[in-house]
Amino acid sequence: MNFDKVNQLLDKYKDNNGGYESFEKVSKKDRKAFADAVNALGEPLSKMAVITE
């Protein structure tokens, strides 16, 4: 998983002014999907510390 998945989720909530809808309007299903996508980004980043040490 990468930033593309996060961006796809964010695109669903863009408003007409170039911003985003309130988080209150995000469905529970999409909140879970956001959390999973962001957590998935953390895994490769945590491995980078080992590589750079």
N, C-alpha and C. Protein backbone atom coordinates (compact mmCIF):
# COMPACT_ATOMS: atom_id res chain seq x y z
N MET A 1 0.85 -1.18 0.00
CA MET A 1 0.00 0.00 0.00
C MET A 1 0.89 1.24 0.00
N ASN A 2 0.42 2.29 -0.62
CA ASN A 2 1.22 3.50 -0.71
C ASN A 2 0.33 4.73 -0.62
N PHE A 3 0.91 5.86 -0.96
CA PHE A 3 0.16 7.11 -0.88
C PHE A 3 -1.02 7.15 -1.85
N ASP A 4 -0.98 6.37 -2.91
CA ASP A 4 -2.08 6.35 -3.87
C ASP A 4 -3.39 5.96 -3.21
N LYS A 5 -3.34 4.98 -2.32
CA LYS A 5 -4.55 4.54 -1.62
C LYS A 5 -5.09 5.65 -0.73
N VAL A 6 -4.21 6.33 -0.01
CA VAL A 6 -4.63 7.44 0.84
C VAL A 6 -5.24 8.55 -0.02
N ASN A 7 -4.59 8.86 -1.13
CA ASN A 7 -5.09 9.92 -2.01
C ASN A 7 -6.45 9.55 -2.61
N GLN A 8 -6.66 8.30 -2.94
CA GLN A 8 -7.96 7.85 -3.46
C GLN A 8 -9.06 8.10 -2.42
N LEU A 9 -8.76 7.77 -1.19
CA LEU A 9 -9.73 7.98 -0.11
C LEU A 9 -10.00 9.47 0.09
N LEU A 10 -8.94 10.27 0.07
CA LEU A 10 -9.10 11.71 0.25
C LEU A 10 -9.92 12.33 -0.88
N ASP A 11 -9.70 11.85 -2.10
CA ASP A 11 -10.41 12.41 -3.26
C ASP A 11 -11.92 12.31 -3.11
N LYS A 12 -12.39 11.30 -2.42
CA LYS A 12 -13.84 11.13 -2.22
C LYS A 12 -14.44 12.28 -1.40
N TYR A 13 -13.60 12.97 -0.64
CA TYR A 13 -14.10 13.99 0.28
C TYR A 13 -13.64 15.40 -0.07
N LYS A 14 -13.15 15.61 -1.29
CA LYS A 14 -12.78 16.96 -1.73
C LYS A 14 -14.05 17.79 -1.89
N ASP A 15 -13.94 19.06 -1.52
CA ASP A 15 -15.08 19.94 -1.74
C ASP A 15 -14.82 20.84 -2.96
N ASN A 16 -15.76 21.68 -3.28
CA ASN A 16 -15.66 22.52 -4.48
C ASN A 16 -14.68 23.67 -4.33
N ASN A 17 -14.20 23.92 -3.12
CA ASN A 17 -13.28 25.03 -2.87
C ASN A 17 -11.83 24.58 -2.84
N GLY A 18 -11.57 23.33 -3.17
CA GLY A 18 -10.21 22.82 -3.15
C GLY A 18 -9.79 22.27 -1.80
N GLY A 19 -10.71 22.26 -0.87
CA GLY A 19 -10.43 21.72 0.46
C GLY A 19 -11.11 20.36 0.60
N TYR A 20 -11.42 20.02 1.83
CA TYR A 20 -12.03 18.72 2.11
C TYR A 20 -13.23 18.89 3.02
N GLU A 21 -14.15 17.94 2.92
CA GLU A 21 -15.31 17.92 3.79
C GLU A 21 -14.87 17.72 5.24
N SER A 22 -15.74 18.09 6.15
CA SER A 22 -15.49 17.88 7.57
C SER A 22 -15.34 16.39 7.85
N PHE A 23 -14.46 16.06 8.79
CA PHE A 23 -14.26 14.65 9.15
C PHE A 23 -15.55 14.02 9.65
N GLU A 24 -16.45 14.84 10.17
CA GLU A 24 -17.74 14.33 10.64
C GLU A 24 -18.56 13.71 9.51
N LYS A 25 -18.28 14.11 8.27
CA LYS A 25 -19.02 13.59 7.12
C LYS A 25 -18.40 12.31 6.56
N VAL A 26 -17.25 11.92 7.08
CA VAL A 26 -16.59 10.70 6.62
C VAL A 26 -17.30 9.49 7.24
N SER A 27 -17.67 8.55 6.41
CA SER A 27 -18.39 7.37 6.92
C SER A 27 -17.49 6.54 7.84
N LYS A 28 -18.11 5.75 8.69
CA LYS A 28 -17.34 4.88 9.59
C LYS A 28 -16.47 3.91 8.79
N LYS A 29 -17.02 3.42 7.69
CA LYS A 29 -16.27 2.50 6.83
C LYS A 29 -15.02 3.19 6.27
N ASP A 30 -15.17 4.44 5.81
CA ASP A 30 -14.03 5.16 5.27
C ASP A 30 -13.05 5.59 6.36
N ARG A 31 -13.54 5.87 7.55
CA ARG A 31 -12.63 6.18 8.66
C ARG A 31 -11.71 5.00 8.93
N LYS A 32 -12.28 3.80 8.90
CA LYS A 32 -11.48 2.58 9.09
C LYS A 32 -10.49 2.42 7.94
N ALA A 33 -10.95 2.69 6.72
CA ALA A 33 -10.08 2.58 5.55
C ALA A 33 -8.93 3.59 5.63
N PHE A 34 -9.23 4.82 6.08
CA PHE A 34 -8.18 5.83 6.27
C PHE A 34 -7.15 5.34 7.29
N ALA A 35 -7.64 4.85 8.41
CA ALA A 35 -6.73 4.38 9.47
C ALA A 35 -5.85 3.24 8.95
N ASP A 36 -6.45 2.31 8.25
CA ASP A 36 -5.68 1.18 7.71
C ASP A 36 -4.64 1.65 6.70
N ALA A 37 -5.03 2.58 5.83
CA ALA A 37 -4.11 3.08 4.79
C ALA A 37 -2.94 3.84 5.41
N VAL A 38 -3.22 4.68 6.39
CA VAL A 38 -2.15 5.45 7.03
C VAL A 38 -1.25 4.52 7.84
N ASN A 39 -1.83 3.57 8.53
CA ASN A 39 -1.01 2.61 9.28
C ASN A 39 -0.12 1.80 8.35
N ALA A 40 -0.63 1.47 7.18
CA ALA A 40 0.17 0.71 6.21
C ALA A 40 1.37 1.53 5.73
N LEU A 41 1.24 2.84 5.69
CA LEU A 41 2.36 3.70 5.30
C LEU A 41 3.46 3.66 6.36
N GLY A 42 3.09 3.48 7.60
CA GLY A 42 4.06 3.47 8.69
C GLY A 42 4.99 2.28 8.66
N GLU A 43 4.52 1.16 8.17
CA GLU A 43 5.33 -0.06 8.16
C GLU A 43 6.62 0.11 7.36
N PRO A 44 6.56 0.54 6.10
CA PRO A 44 7.81 0.72 5.35
C PRO A 44 8.70 1.81 5.95
N LEU A 45 8.08 2.85 6.51
CA LEU A 45 8.86 3.92 7.12
C LEU A 45 9.61 3.43 8.34
N SER A 46 9.00 2.54 9.11
CA SER A 46 9.67 2.02 10.30
C SER A 46 10.88 1.17 9.92
N LYS A 47 10.82 0.54 8.78
CA LYS A 47 11.94 -0.27 8.31
C LYS A 47 13.10 0.59 7.81
N MET A 48 12.81 1.82 7.40
CA MET A 48 13.86 2.71 6.92
C MET A 48 14.87 3.02 8.01
N ALA A 49 14.41 3.15 9.24
CA ALA A 49 15.32 3.45 10.34
C ALA A 49 16.37 2.37 10.47
N VAL A 50 15.98 1.14 10.29
CA VAL A 50 16.92 0.03 10.37
C VAL A 50 17.93 0.10 9.23
N ILE A 51 17.48 0.46 8.06
CA ILE A 51 18.35 0.55 6.89
C ILE A 51 19.36 1.68 7.03
N THR A 52 18.93 2.80 7.60
CA THR A 52 19.81 3.98 7.67
C THR A 52 20.76 3.95 8.85
N GLU A 53 20.57 3.05 9.79
CA GLU A 53 21.45 2.99 10.96
C GLU A 53 22.79 2.41 10.63
